[in-house]
C-alpha atoms as a PDB file:
ATOM      1  CA  UNK A   1      23.325  -8.489 -23.795  1.00  0.00           C
ATOM      2  CA  UNK A   2      24.446  -8.502 -27.444  1.00  0.00           C
ATOM      3  CA  UNK A   3      20.679  -7.934 -28.661  1.00  0.00           C
ATOM      4  CA  UNK A   4      20.680  -4.534 -26.465  1.00  0.00           C
ATOM      5  CA  UNK A   5      23.714  -3.220 -28.377  1.00  0.00           C
ATOM      6  CA  UNK A   6      22.092  -3.906 -31.634  1.00  0.00           C
ATOM      7  CA  UNK A   7      18.871  -2.455 -30.434  1.00  0.00           C
ATOM      8  CA  UNK A   8      20.716   0.742 -29.317  1.00  0.00           C
ATOM      9  CA  UNK A   9      22.574   1.130 -32.745  1.00  0.00           C
ATOM     10  CA  UNK A  10      19.256   0.523 -34.600  1.00  0.00           C
ATOM     11  CA  UNK A  11      17.584   3.227 -32.653  1.00  0.00           C
ATOM     12  CA  UNK A  12      20.786   5.552 -33.446  1.00  0.00           C
ATOM     13  CA  UNK A  13      20.615   4.584 -36.872  1.00  0.00           C
ATOM     14  CA  UNK A  14      16.840   5.179 -37.252  1.00  0.00           C
ATOM     15  CA  UNK A  15      17.593   8.828 -35.432  1.00  0.00           C
ATOM     16  CA  UNK A  16      20.175   9.573 -37.551  1.00  0.00           C
ATOM     17  CA  UNK A  17      18.423   8.937 -40.777  1.00  0.00           C
ATOM     18  CA  UNK A  18      15.665  10.673 -39.801  1.00  0.00           C
ATOM     19  CA  UNK A  19      17.702  13.784 -38.994  1.00  0.00           C
ATOM     20  CA  UNK A  20      19.568  13.869 -42.214  1.00  0.00           C
ATOM     21  CA  UNK A  21      16.320  13.476 -44.429  1.00  0.00           C
ATOM     22  CA  UNK A  22      14.518  16.033 -42.893  1.00  0.00           C
ATOM     23  CA  UNK A  23      17.463  18.051 -43.020  1.00  0.00           C
ATOM     24  CA  UNK A  24      17.956  17.500 -46.690  1.00  0.00           C
ATOM     25  CA  UNK A  25      13.974  18.236 -47.168  1.00  0.00           C
ATOM     26  CA  UNK A  26      14.232  21.083 -45.402  1.00  0.00           C
ATOM     27  CA  UNK A  27      17.350  22.359 -47.480  1.00  0.00           C
ATOM     28  CA  UNK A  28      15.441  21.741 -50.888  1.00  0.00           C
ATOM     29  CA  UNK A  29      12.060  23.114 -49.543  1.00  0.00           C
ATOM     30  CA  UNK A  30      14.174  26.457 -48.405  1.00  0.00           C
ATOM     31  CA  UNK A  31      14.696  27.213 -52.049  1.00  0.00           C
ATOM     32  CA  UNK A  32      11.317  26.684 -53.352  1.00  0.00           C
ATOM     33  CA  UNK A  33       9.241  28.123 -50.476  1.00  0.00           C
ATOM     34  CA  UNK A  34      11.231  29.776 -47.462  1.00  0.00           C
ATOM     35  CA  UNK A  35       8.163  29.958 -45.297  1.00  0.00           C
ATOM     36  CA  UNK A  36       7.539  26.173 -45.561  1.00  0.00           C
ATOM     37  CA  UNK A  37      11.249  25.578 -45.427  1.00  0.00           C
ATOM     38  CA  UNK A  38      12.447  27.391 -42.441  1.00  0.00           C
ATOM     39  CA  UNK A  39       9.956  25.424 -39.845  1.00  0.00           C
ATOM     40  CA  UNK A  40      11.098  22.333 -41.516  1.00  0.00           C
ATOM     41  CA  UNK A  41      14.877  23.378 -40.582  1.00  0.00           C
ATOM     42  CA  UNK A  42      13.934  24.147 -37.290  1.00  0.00           C
ATOM     43  CA  UNK A  43      12.318  20.702 -36.779  1.00  0.00           C
ATOM     44  CA  UNK A  44      15.501  19.287 -38.470  1.00  0.00           C
ATOM     45  CA  UNK A  45      17.438  21.099 -35.465  1.00  0.00           C
ATOM     46  CA  UNK A  46      15.397  19.359 -32.933  1.00  0.00           C
ATOM     47  CA  UNK A  47      15.793  16.005 -34.489  1.00  0.00           C
ATOM     48  CA  UNK A  48      19.468  16.244 -34.940  1.00  0.00           C
ATOM     49  CA  UNK A  49      19.827  17.580 -30.970  1.00  0.00           C
ATOM     50  CA  UNK A  50      17.514  14.555 -30.057  1.00  0.00           C
ATOM     51  CA  UNK A  51      20.032  12.216 -32.002  1.00  0.00           C
ATOM     52  CA  UNK A  52      22.968  13.800 -30.311  1.00  0.00           C
ATOM     53  CA  UNK A  53      21.965  13.605 -26.960  1.00  0.00           C
ATOM     54  CA  UNK A  54      20.991   9.814 -27.589  1.00  0.00           C
ATOM     55  CA  UNK A  55      24.495   9.301 -28.698  1.00  0.00           C
ATOM     56  CA  UNK A  56      25.854  11.183 -25.763  1.00  0.00           C
ATOM     57  CA  UNK A  57      23.552   9.358 -23.447  1.00  0.00           C
ATOM     58  CA  UNK A  58      24.625   5.823 -24.476  1.00  0.00           C
ATOM     59  CA  UNK A  59      28.178   6.834 -24.613  1.00  0.00           C
ATOM     60  CA  UNK A  60      28.630   6.221 -28.465  1.00  0.00           C
ATOM     61  CA  UNK A  61      31.683   7.341 -30.117  1.00  0.00           C
ATOM     62  CA  UNK A  62      31.588   9.716 -32.814  1.00  0.00           C
END
């Protein structure tokens, strides 16, 4: 049972870091080239929503 919890926590951590990284890249790109940065921000919004759904589905506290 413990390994399942650790696996879930690792998946959550990976999803969180990916969402944060894409958001940071999108914000940095928006200042340089907005026509590329806006789609990256849309992708980061999707990844953030995916992370949120994962946490809610697995009953993780915020």
